[in-house]
Amino acid sequence: MSQYDYDLLTIGAGSGGVRASRMAAQKGKRVAVCEEDRVGGTCVLRGCVPKKLLVYASEYSSAFEDSQGFGWSAVNSKIDWPQLIDTKNRELTRLNGIYNNILSSNGVETIEGRGTLIDEHTVEVAGKRYTAEKIIIAVGGWPTLPDVPGIEHAITSNEALDLPELPRRIVIVGGGYIAVEFAGIFAGMGSEVTEIIRADRILRGFDDDLRSELEREMTKRGINIMGSTTVQCITKKDNHYEIVLGDGETIETDAIMYATGRKPKINGLGLEQAGVEISDKGAIKVDDNYKTSVDSIYAIGDVTDRVCLTPVALAEGMALVEHLFGADNKAVDYDNIASAVFSQPPLGVVGLTEAQARERYGKIDVYTSGFKAMKHTLSGRDERTFMKLIVEPESDKVIGAHMMGPDAAEIMQGIGIAMKCGATKAQFDATIGIHPSAAEEFVTMREKRPDTE
C-alpha cells in the first residue's frame, strides 16, 4: 500500500490541471485536484470563453449596419448589457458543471480551497493536509497593475467581464492582445474607447505589417489609439475619472481598464518552503519534462510563463502525465503554434514574424496580399483584409503566415497544420483554392515583395 494519500495531487483546476488530472486517473492513478475558485480556470471563467462571447455580441452592431447594403432595412437597436452579462454567466455555470463532471466521472477527487505546499509531498488545503507521490502546480496567471497614483480606481480584464453597466466612455491602458480585444468589444457595444499604449504601436511581438494594418482598421472603427503615451495619475471626480498623462494632458472617462500584463499566480503557494525555484520574472522554473527544482513537484501552463495559451497548457498536461505514468516521453513541440487575436477584424498567426525570420535566416522571401473582402463590396464598409507568407528560399519552406480579416483564426488553424508538416511554398502554390473565399489567397500569392532590406 502506498505511503501517500494520492499518486498525484494537482494544485489548480484550470484547463491544464483538469486535463492532467483526468488523464492520470484514466491510467488507474489515485488523483485529487484542489481549487480555490470554480473549476475551469482562466480560460473558462475569466478569459478565452467569456471574452469571445462578448466579442460575438459586439460584432452585431457592424452586422446590422452592413446588412443595409444587402437590402435589409435599418435596424435601430442597442445592447442590453445586463442581459448579456447574465446570459454569459449562465453559460459559464454550465461549463463549470461540465468540468466538474469530467473530474468526478473519471474518479478525480476535488478539494475546495487554495493549496499550499508544506514540503515536497504535502499540500495543505483549508487547514487539512494531503500527501501525494507527485504534485503538479497549474495555478495559471493573474492580471497585474502598475504602481500609479489612483490605480485603485482601475479595473482589469477580470472585472471588465462583469461590469454592472456598459460605460459610455472607457480608457484601456495597454497595447497587447487583451487590450486590443477589449477595445473592440467596448467599441462594438457603443462605448467611446481610448487606448493608451507606452509603445509606438499596438501588439508588440507580432509581425510589423499586421500591427500597422490592425491599428489602421481599429482607428476606422472609432477607437482612439494614443501611442508613446503614459499615465501619470488617476483621480476620482464626482461622476467620472480624470486621467493625467505623462505630457500633462488630461482625459475624462467613465471607466479605466488596465491590460498591461499578467504574472504567475504563485503568492501563498509555499514554494520557498518546499524548495521550488522561481525565475527573475516570478515564474516557476521547470526542465524539459516540467519538473521543478524539487524532484516530486512539477508545473505546467501559465505559471511557468513559457507560451501562455490554453491549448499549450493542455498539451503540457498530457505530455507530463505520459512522462510520469505512461510509456511516451515525447515533449511538446513549441514551434509553429498557431494563435489568434479576436480583435475586430481578427488576426491569425503561425510561425515567425518577418523580423524574426530575417534575424534567423538572413535572406527570406515575403509574399503579401491586401484586398477588400467580397462582403464589403456590397456592405460599403471601408475594411481591408491582409495576408502574408514568409518563405525560407533555400528550402522553400513556409516559415511564417499572418492574416488580418474575417475568419482569420479558422483559416490559420489549417495553415498551422500545413506548416507543422513542413509545407513548402511550391506545395501551397500547387493547392487548388476554394472560390470564392479569402482563404484561397494563401494558395494564389505568386509575386514576391521586392526585398528592401
Protein backbone atom coordinates (compact mmCIF):
# COMPACT_ATOMS: atom_id res chain seq x y z
CA MET A 1 0.00 0.00 0.00
CA SER A 2 1.29 3.47 -0.89
CA GLN A 3 2.60 5.71 1.87
CA TYR A 4 0.79 8.66 0.25
CA ASP A 5 -2.88 9.67 0.10
CA TYR A 6 -2.66 10.11 -3.67
CA ASP A 7 -0.40 9.19 -6.54
CA LEU A 8 -0.94 12.70 -7.93
CA LEU A 9 -2.28 15.89 -6.44
CA THR A 10 -2.83 18.88 -8.75
CA ILE A 11 -2.97 22.43 -7.45
CA GLY A 12 -5.27 24.35 -9.78
CA ALA A 13 -8.27 23.12 -11.77
CA GLY A 14 -7.88 25.15 -14.94
CA SER A 15 -7.54 23.66 -18.40
CA GLY A 16 -4.07 22.18 -17.85
CA GLY A 17 -4.76 20.93 -14.34
CA VAL A 18 -8.05 19.28 -15.25
CA ARG A 19 -6.54 17.59 -18.32
CA ALA A 20 -3.54 16.24 -16.42
CA SER A 21 -5.68 15.03 -13.51
CA ARG A 22 -8.22 13.31 -15.75
CA MET A 23 -5.59 11.54 -17.83
CA ALA A 24 -3.70 10.33 -14.77
CA ALA A 25 -6.92 8.95 -13.29
CA GLN A 26 -7.66 7.17 -16.56
CA LYS A 27 -4.33 5.38 -16.12
CA GLY A 28 -5.56 4.00 -12.81
CA LYS A 29 -3.83 6.52 -10.55
CA ARG A 30 -5.34 7.94 -7.37
CA VAL A 31 -5.75 11.62 -8.16
CA ALA A 32 -7.03 14.75 -6.43
CA VAL A 33 -7.16 18.35 -7.57
CA CYS A 34 -7.57 21.37 -5.32
CA GLU A 35 -9.12 24.65 -6.49
CA GLU A 36 -9.89 27.87 -4.62
CA ASP A 37 -12.36 29.14 -7.24
CA ARG A 38 -14.76 27.36 -9.55
CA VAL A 39 -13.36 24.57 -11.69
CA GLY A 40 -12.47 25.75 -15.20
CA GLY A 41 -9.66 28.24 -14.68
CA THR A 42 -8.84 31.44 -16.52
CA CYS A 43 -9.92 30.28 -19.97
CA VAL A 44 -13.41 29.18 -18.99
CA LEU A 45 -14.17 31.69 -16.25
CA ARG A 46 -12.13 34.86 -16.88
CA GLY A 47 -10.55 34.61 -20.30
CA CYS A 48 -11.00 32.96 -23.69
CA VAL A 49 -14.61 31.81 -23.38
CA PRO A 50 -16.39 34.79 -21.79
CA LYS A 51 -14.27 37.24 -23.75
CA LYS A 52 -15.15 35.64 -27.09
CA LEU A 53 -18.84 35.58 -26.16
CA LEU A 54 -18.61 39.34 -25.67
CA VAL A 55 -16.73 39.65 -28.98
CA TYR A 56 -19.61 37.87 -30.71
CA ALA A 57 -22.11 40.22 -29.06
CA SER A 58 -20.14 43.33 -30.03
CA GLU A 59 -19.96 42.30 -33.70
CA TYR A 60 -23.71 42.61 -34.17
CA SER A 61 -23.57 46.41 -34.38
CA SER A 62 -21.40 46.14 -37.50
CA ALA A 63 -23.54 43.33 -38.89
CA PHE A 64 -26.71 45.43 -38.51
CA GLU A 65 -25.02 48.31 -40.29
CA ASP A 66 -23.56 46.13 -43.07
CA SER A 67 -26.90 44.42 -43.71
CA GLN A 68 -28.35 47.56 -45.32
CA GLY A 69 -26.03 47.09 -48.29
CA PHE A 70 -27.73 43.73 -48.86
CA GLY A 71 -31.25 45.13 -48.88
CA TRP A 72 -32.18 44.85 -45.21
CA SER A 73 -33.99 47.71 -43.52
CA ALA A 74 -32.08 49.75 -40.97
CA VAL A 75 -32.02 48.20 -37.51
CA ASN A 76 -32.33 50.63 -34.62
CA SER A 77 -31.20 48.59 -31.66
CA LYS A 78 -28.94 48.86 -28.63
CA ILE A 79 -27.25 46.34 -26.41
CA ASP A 80 -28.91 45.21 -23.17
CA TRP A 81 -25.62 44.86 -21.28
CA PRO A 82 -27.02 43.40 -18.03
CA GLN A 83 -28.91 40.75 -20.02
CA LEU A 84 -25.74 39.87 -21.95
CA ILE A 85 -23.70 39.51 -18.76
CA ASP A 86 -26.42 37.35 -17.20
CA THR A 87 -26.59 35.12 -20.27
CA LYS A 88 -22.81 34.86 -20.38
CA ASN A 89 -22.67 33.89 -16.70
CA ARG A 90 -25.26 31.17 -17.19
CA GLU A 91 -23.08 29.67 -19.91
CA LEU A 92 -20.03 29.77 -17.63
CA THR A 93 -22.02 27.99 -14.92
CA ARG A 94 -22.95 25.30 -17.46
CA LEU A 95 -19.29 24.86 -18.47
CA ASN A 96 -18.24 24.73 -14.82
CA GLY A 97 -20.68 21.87 -14.32
CA ILE A 98 -19.21 20.04 -17.32
CA TYR A 99 -15.68 20.37 -15.93
CA ASN A 100 -16.81 19.14 -12.51
CA ASN A 101 -18.45 16.16 -14.18
CA ILE A 102 -15.28 15.41 -16.16
CA LEU A 103 -13.34 15.16 -12.92
CA SER A 104 -15.91 13.17 -10.94
CA SER A 105 -16.73 10.75 -13.76
CA ASN A 106 -13.04 9.91 -14.07
CA GLY A 107 -12.65 9.32 -10.34
CA VAL A 108 -10.72 12.52 -9.58
CA GLU A 109 -11.42 13.93 -6.12
CA THR A 110 -11.96 17.70 -6.00
CA ILE A 111 -10.77 19.51 -2.87
CA GLU A 112 -12.09 23.06 -2.41
CA GLY A 113 -9.58 25.67 -1.33
CA ARG A 114 -6.17 27.05 -2.25
CA GLY A 115 -3.38 24.54 -1.95
CA THR A 116 -0.17 25.42 -0.10
CA LEU A 117 2.99 23.34 -0.30
CA ILE A 118 4.23 22.17 3.10
CA ASP A 119 7.03 20.00 1.77
CA GLU A 120 7.89 18.02 -1.36
CA HIS A 121 4.99 15.58 -0.84
CA THR A 122 2.47 17.51 1.26
CA VAL A 123 -0.18 20.07 0.36
CA GLU A 124 -2.39 21.89 2.85
CA VAL A 125 -5.90 22.91 1.79
CA ALA A 126 -8.33 24.69 4.14
CA GLY A 127 -6.38 23.57 7.20
CA LYS A 128 -6.14 19.90 6.22
CA ARG A 129 -3.02 18.21 4.89
CA TYR A 130 -2.83 15.76 2.00
CA THR A 131 0.16 13.78 0.76
CA ALA A 132 0.99 12.75 -2.79
CA GLU A 133 3.83 10.98 -4.56
CA LYS A 134 3.74 13.61 -7.31
CA ILE A 135 2.43 17.17 -7.24
CA ILE A 136 1.54 19.35 -10.25
CA ILE A 137 1.24 23.12 -9.93
CA ALA A 138 -1.17 24.51 -12.53
CA VAL A 139 -2.49 27.70 -10.95
CA GLY A 140 -2.15 29.91 -14.03
CA GLY A 141 -1.64 33.66 -14.10
CA TRP A 142 -3.33 36.82 -12.87
CA PRO A 143 -3.57 40.42 -14.17
CA THR A 144 -1.03 42.87 -12.77
CA LEU A 145 -1.45 46.58 -12.07
CA PRO A 146 1.39 49.11 -12.11
CA ASP A 147 2.22 51.45 -9.24
CA VAL A 148 0.35 54.54 -10.46
CA PRO A 149 -1.35 57.02 -8.10
CA GLY A 150 -5.08 56.29 -8.19
CA ILE A 151 -4.64 52.79 -9.64
CA GLU A 152 -7.28 51.54 -7.19
CA HIS A 153 -9.88 53.11 -9.49
CA ALA A 154 -8.86 50.90 -12.42
CA ILE A 155 -10.28 47.52 -13.38
CA THR A 156 -8.62 44.58 -15.13
CA SER A 157 -9.95 42.12 -17.68
CA ASN A 158 -11.43 40.14 -14.77
CA GLU A 159 -13.80 42.92 -13.76
CA ALA A 160 -14.42 44.08 -17.34
CA LEU A 161 -16.25 40.82 -17.96
CA ASP A 162 -18.77 41.57 -15.20
CA LEU A 163 -19.34 45.34 -15.20
CA PRO A 164 -22.85 46.08 -13.89
CA GLU A 165 -23.44 48.55 -16.72
CA LEU A 166 -21.81 49.47 -20.01
CA PRO A 167 -19.57 52.55 -19.66
CA ARG A 168 -20.30 55.42 -22.04
CA ARG A 169 -16.55 56.17 -22.16
CA ILE A 170 -13.69 53.84 -21.33
CA VAL A 171 -9.92 54.20 -21.39
CA ILE A 172 -7.95 50.99 -21.89
CA VAL A 173 -4.28 51.12 -20.93
CA GLY A 174 -2.10 48.57 -22.72
CA GLY A 175 -1.28 47.51 -26.25
CA GLY A 176 -1.28 43.70 -26.01
CA TYR A 177 -3.88 41.29 -27.31
CA ILE A 178 -6.15 41.57 -24.24
CA ALA A 179 -6.27 45.37 -24.52
CA VAL A 180 -6.87 45.22 -28.27
CA GLU A 181 -9.67 42.67 -27.91
CA PHE A 182 -11.48 44.63 -25.20
CA ALA A 183 -11.10 47.85 -27.20
CA GLY A 184 -13.02 46.13 -30.00
CA ILE A 185 -15.62 44.74 -27.60
CA PHE A 186 -16.46 48.07 -25.98
CA ALA A 187 -16.34 50.00 -29.27
CA GLY A 188 -18.73 47.50 -30.83
CA MET A 189 -21.10 47.89 -27.88
CA GLY A 190 -21.19 51.63 -28.47
CA SER A 191 -18.70 52.91 -25.89
CA GLU A 192 -16.28 55.71 -26.70
CA VAL A 193 -12.90 53.95 -26.49
CA THR A 194 -9.42 55.38 -25.99
CA GLU A 195 -6.47 53.00 -25.92
CA ILE A 196 -3.26 54.26 -24.33
CA ILE A 197 0.00 52.46 -25.12
CA ARG A 198 3.54 53.13 -23.98
CA ALA A 199 5.00 51.81 -27.26
CA ASP A 200 4.55 53.48 -30.62
CA ARG A 201 2.20 50.76 -31.88
CA ILE A 202 -0.09 48.01 -30.61
CA LEU A 203 0.77 44.30 -30.31
CA ARG A 204 4.49 44.28 -29.66
CA GLY A 205 5.94 40.93 -30.76
CA PHE A 206 3.55 40.47 -33.69
CA ASP A 207 4.52 40.98 -37.32
CA ASP A 208 5.02 44.69 -38.02
CA ASP A 209 2.81 44.72 -41.11
CA LEU A 210 -0.01 43.10 -39.15
CA ARG A 211 0.37 45.64 -36.33
CA SER A 212 0.10 48.56 -38.74
CA GLU A 213 -2.84 47.09 -40.64
CA LEU A 214 -4.85 46.34 -37.50
CA GLU A 215 -4.18 49.75 -35.96
CA ARG A 216 -5.48 51.35 -39.13
CA GLU A 217 -8.68 49.28 -39.05
CA MET A 218 -9.26 49.90 -35.33
CA THR A 219 -8.95 53.63 -35.94
CA LYS A 220 -11.56 53.38 -38.70
CA ARG A 221 -13.92 51.89 -36.12
CA GLY A 222 -13.56 54.97 -33.94
CA ILE A 223 -11.01 53.69 -31.42
CA ASN A 224 -8.62 56.46 -30.39
CA ILE A 225 -5.16 54.89 -30.09
CA MET A 226 -2.65 57.07 -28.27
CA GLY A 227 0.85 55.71 -28.87
CA SER A 228 4.03 56.63 -26.98
CA THR A 229 1.84 57.75 -24.07
CA THR A 230 1.97 57.06 -20.33
CA VAL A 231 -0.42 57.60 -17.42
CA GLN A 232 0.82 59.82 -14.61
CA CYS A 233 -2.13 59.52 -12.22
CA ILE A 234 -5.85 58.77 -11.94
CA THR A 235 -8.30 60.90 -9.92
CA LYS A 236 -11.91 60.14 -8.97
CA LYS A 237 -14.27 63.02 -9.60
CA ASP A 238 -17.99 63.33 -8.75
CA ASN A 239 -19.31 61.33 -11.70
CA HIS A 240 -16.22 60.39 -13.73
CA TYR A 241 -12.48 59.76 -13.58
CA GLU A 242 -9.72 62.10 -14.68
CA ILE A 243 -6.51 60.69 -16.12
CA VAL A 244 -3.38 62.83 -16.24
CA LEU A 245 -0.99 61.72 -18.97
CA GLY A 246 2.78 61.93 -18.97
CA ASP A 247 2.75 65.14 -21.01
CA GLY A 248 0.25 66.78 -18.65
CA GLU A 249 -2.80 66.32 -20.89
CA THR A 250 -5.97 65.18 -19.12
CA ILE A 251 -8.69 62.75 -20.22
CA GLU A 252 -12.13 62.30 -18.67
CA THR A 253 -13.66 58.84 -18.69
CA ASP A 254 -16.30 56.70 -17.00
CA ALA A 255 -14.12 53.59 -16.63
CA ILE A 256 -10.41 52.72 -16.75
CA MET A 257 -9.20 49.26 -17.65
CA TYR A 258 -5.56 48.20 -17.36
CA ALA A 259 -4.28 45.36 -19.53
CA THR A 260 -0.56 45.88 -19.07
CA GLY A 261 0.48 42.37 -18.18
CA ARG A 262 -0.13 39.15 -16.28
CA LYS A 263 2.11 37.16 -13.99
CA PRO A 264 2.07 33.65 -12.50
CA LYS A 265 -0.27 33.41 -9.52
CA ILE A 266 2.28 31.99 -7.11
CA ASN A 267 1.61 34.06 -3.97
CA GLY A 268 0.86 31.90 -0.96
CA LEU A 269 1.76 28.60 -2.62
CA GLY A 270 4.58 27.84 -0.19
CA LEU A 271 7.12 27.48 -3.00
CA GLU A 272 10.10 28.71 -0.97
CA GLN A 273 9.19 26.44 1.91
CA ALA A 274 9.13 23.45 -0.41
CA GLY A 275 12.35 24.50 -2.16
CA VAL A 276 10.82 25.27 -5.58
CA GLU A 277 12.94 27.75 -7.54
CA ILE A 278 11.44 30.86 -9.10
CA SER A 279 12.78 32.81 -12.09
CA ASP A 280 13.57 36.51 -12.08
CA LYS A 281 10.21 37.09 -13.76
CA GLY A 282 8.29 35.34 -11.00
CA ALA A 283 7.63 32.12 -12.91
CA ILE A 284 8.26 28.57 -11.71
CA LYS A 285 11.43 27.15 -13.26
CA VAL A 286 10.97 23.77 -14.96
CA ASP A 287 13.05 21.46 -17.11
CA ASP A 288 12.04 19.88 -20.43
CA ASN A 289 9.78 17.43 -18.58
CA TYR A 290 8.13 20.18 -16.48
CA LYS A 291 9.95 19.14 -13.32
CA THR A 292 10.77 21.92 -10.88
CA SER A 293 13.89 22.07 -8.72
CA VAL A 294 12.14 19.54 -6.46
CA ASP A 295 12.02 16.03 -7.92
CA SER A 296 8.40 15.30 -6.90
CA ILE A 297 6.92 18.68 -7.91
CA TYR A 298 6.02 19.67 -11.48
CA ALA A 299 4.47 22.75 -13.08
CA ILE A 300 2.59 23.38 -16.33
CA GLY A 301 0.77 26.20 -18.07
CA ASP A 302 0.92 29.94 -17.49
CA VAL A 303 2.59 29.56 -14.10
CA THR A 304 5.78 28.62 -15.97
CA ASP A 305 5.43 31.65 -18.30
CA ARG A 306 6.55 29.77 -21.41
CA VAL A 307 3.77 30.00 -24.00
CA CYS A 308 0.68 31.32 -22.22
CA LEU A 309 -2.06 29.72 -24.30
CA THR A 310 -4.77 27.33 -23.15
CA PRO A 311 -4.06 24.66 -25.82
CA VAL A 312 -0.40 24.73 -24.77
CA ALA A 313 -1.34 24.06 -21.14
CA LEU A 314 -3.49 21.15 -22.32
CA ALA A 315 -0.63 19.73 -24.37
CA GLU A 316 1.79 20.12 -21.47
CA GLY A 317 -0.63 18.36 -19.12
CA MET A 318 -0.91 15.41 -21.49
CA ALA A 319 2.84 15.23 -22.08
CA LEU A 320 3.58 15.35 -18.37
CA VAL A 321 1.15 12.56 -17.49
CA GLU A 322 2.66 10.37 -20.21
CA HIS A 323 6.11 11.13 -18.82
CA LEU A 324 5.11 10.29 -15.25
CA PHE A 325 2.74 7.37 -15.72
CA GLY A 326 2.93 6.25 -19.36
CA ALA A 327 5.40 4.98 -21.92
CA ASP A 328 5.59 8.11 -24.09
CA ASN A 329 8.25 10.66 -23.19
CA LYS A 330 7.63 12.92 -26.17
CA ALA A 331 7.99 16.62 -25.37
CA VAL A 332 5.61 19.33 -26.54
CA ASP A 333 6.74 20.92 -29.81
CA TYR A 334 6.58 24.69 -29.31
CA ASP A 335 7.39 25.54 -32.94
CA ASN A 336 4.65 26.74 -35.27
CA ILE A 337 1.94 27.17 -32.65
CA ALA A 338 -0.99 28.85 -34.37
CA SER A 339 -2.73 31.57 -32.39
CA ALA A 340 -5.32 34.29 -32.86
CA VAL A 341 -6.24 37.71 -31.58
CA PHE A 342 -10.01 38.23 -31.53
CA SER A 343 -9.72 41.86 -32.41
CA GLN A 344 -12.06 43.49 -34.90
CA PRO A 345 -11.07 42.49 -37.55
CA PRO A 346 -9.40 39.39 -36.07
CA LEU A 347 -5.83 38.20 -36.55
CA GLY A 348 -4.44 34.71 -37.11
CA VAL A 349 -0.73 33.92 -36.97
CA VAL A 350 1.61 30.94 -37.07
CA GLY A 351 5.38 30.75 -37.28
CA LEU A 352 7.91 33.57 -37.49
CA THR A 353 7.36 37.27 -37.97
CA GLU A 354 9.30 38.92 -40.78
CA ALA A 355 11.76 40.42 -38.29
CA GLN A 356 12.32 37.06 -36.58
CA ALA A 357 12.78 35.33 -39.93
CA ARG A 358 15.37 37.84 -41.12
CA GLU A 359 17.26 37.51 -37.85
CA ARG A 360 17.29 33.71 -38.08
CA TYR A 361 17.77 33.16 -41.82
CA GLY A 362 19.00 36.45 -43.27
CA LYS A 363 17.61 36.12 -46.76
CA ILE A 364 13.86 35.44 -46.97
CA ASP A 365 11.04 35.76 -49.50
CA VAL A 366 7.91 37.69 -48.50
CA TYR A 367 4.51 37.49 -50.18
CA THR A 368 1.66 39.82 -49.23
CA SER A 369 -1.89 40.45 -50.35
CA GLY A 370 -4.33 43.17 -49.34
CA PHE A 371 -7.89 43.46 -50.58
CA LYS A 372 -11.46 44.37 -49.74
CA ALA A 373 -13.44 41.25 -48.81
CA MET A 374 -16.29 40.36 -51.17
CA LYS A 375 -18.83 41.01 -48.41
CA HIS A 376 -17.79 44.64 -48.20
CA THR A 377 -18.21 45.29 -51.92
CA LEU A 378 -21.93 45.47 -51.05
CA SER A 379 -21.84 46.41 -47.37
CA GLY A 380 -19.81 49.51 -48.21
CA ARG A 381 -17.62 49.08 -45.15
CA ASP A 382 -14.12 50.50 -45.58
CA GLU A 383 -12.27 47.46 -44.28
CA ARG A 384 -9.31 45.63 -45.77
CA THR A 385 -8.12 42.06 -45.40
CA PHE A 386 -4.37 41.48 -45.22
CA MET A 387 -2.36 38.25 -45.67
CA LYS A 388 1.33 37.50 -45.56
CA LEU A 389 3.56 34.47 -46.16
CA ILE A 390 7.23 34.28 -45.24
CA VAL A 391 9.39 31.71 -47.03
CA GLU A 392 12.94 30.47 -46.46
CA PRO A 393 14.22 30.42 -50.07
CA GLU A 394 16.82 27.66 -49.79
CA SER A 395 14.37 25.03 -48.54
CA ASP A 396 11.26 26.79 -49.95
CA LYS A 397 9.54 26.09 -46.60
CA VAL A 398 6.82 28.44 -45.40
CA ILE A 399 8.11 29.68 -42.04
CA GLY A 400 5.54 32.35 -41.24
CA ALA A 401 1.89 33.05 -42.05
CA HIS A 402 -0.10 36.07 -40.91
CA MET A 403 -3.63 37.25 -41.57
CA MET A 404 -5.97 40.06 -40.60
CA GLY A 405 -9.56 39.68 -41.66
CA PRO A 406 -12.81 37.73 -41.15
CA ASP A 407 -12.31 34.08 -40.11
CA ALA A 408 -8.56 34.59 -39.65
CA ALA A 409 -8.46 32.18 -36.70
CA GLU A 410 -10.35 29.46 -38.56
CA ILE A 411 -8.16 29.80 -41.65
CA MET A 412 -4.91 29.88 -39.69
CA GLN A 413 -5.68 26.60 -37.95
CA GLY A 414 -5.45 24.84 -41.31
CA ILE A 415 -2.32 26.76 -42.28
CA GLY A 416 -0.81 25.67 -38.96
CA ILE A 417 -1.30 22.01 -39.85
CA ALA A 418 0.41 22.52 -43.19
CA MET A 419 3.37 24.28 -41.60
CA LYS A 420 3.64 21.58 -38.93
CA CYS A 421 4.06 19.14 -41.81
CA GLY A 422 6.83 21.29 -43.30
CA ALA A 423 4.87 22.54 -46.30
CA THR A 424 6.77 24.42 -48.98
CA LYS A 425 5.67 27.43 -50.99
CA ALA A 426 5.55 25.18 -54.05
CA GLN A 427 3.05 22.94 -52.24
CA PHE A 428 0.97 25.97 -51.28
CA ASP A 429 1.04 27.03 -54.96
CA ALA A 430 0.04 23.54 -56.14
CA THR A 431 -3.02 23.53 -53.86
CA ILE A 432 -6.31 24.35 -55.58
CA GLY A 433 -8.11 27.19 -53.84
CA ILE A 434 -11.72 27.32 -52.65
CA HIS A 435 -13.51 30.01 -54.65
CA PRO A 436 -14.80 32.49 -53.74
CA SER A 437 -13.11 32.65 -50.35
CA ALA A 438 -10.49 34.75 -48.63
CA ALA A 439 -8.56 31.60 -47.73
CA GLU A 440 -7.75 30.87 -51.37
CA GLU A 441 -5.45 33.89 -51.37
CA PHE A 442 -2.91 31.85 -49.38
CA VAL A 443 -2.50 29.48 -52.34
CA THR A 444 -2.56 32.10 -55.10
CA MET A 445 0.11 34.56 -53.93
CA ARG A 446 2.79 34.41 -56.64
CA GLU A 447 4.57 37.78 -56.66
CA LYS A 448 7.37 38.21 -54.15
CA ARG A 449 7.55 41.55 -52.44
CA PRO A 450 10.70 43.43 -53.51
CA ASP A 451 13.40 42.94 -50.87
CA THR A 452 14.33 46.34 -49.49
CA GLU A 453 16.33 45.04 -46.54
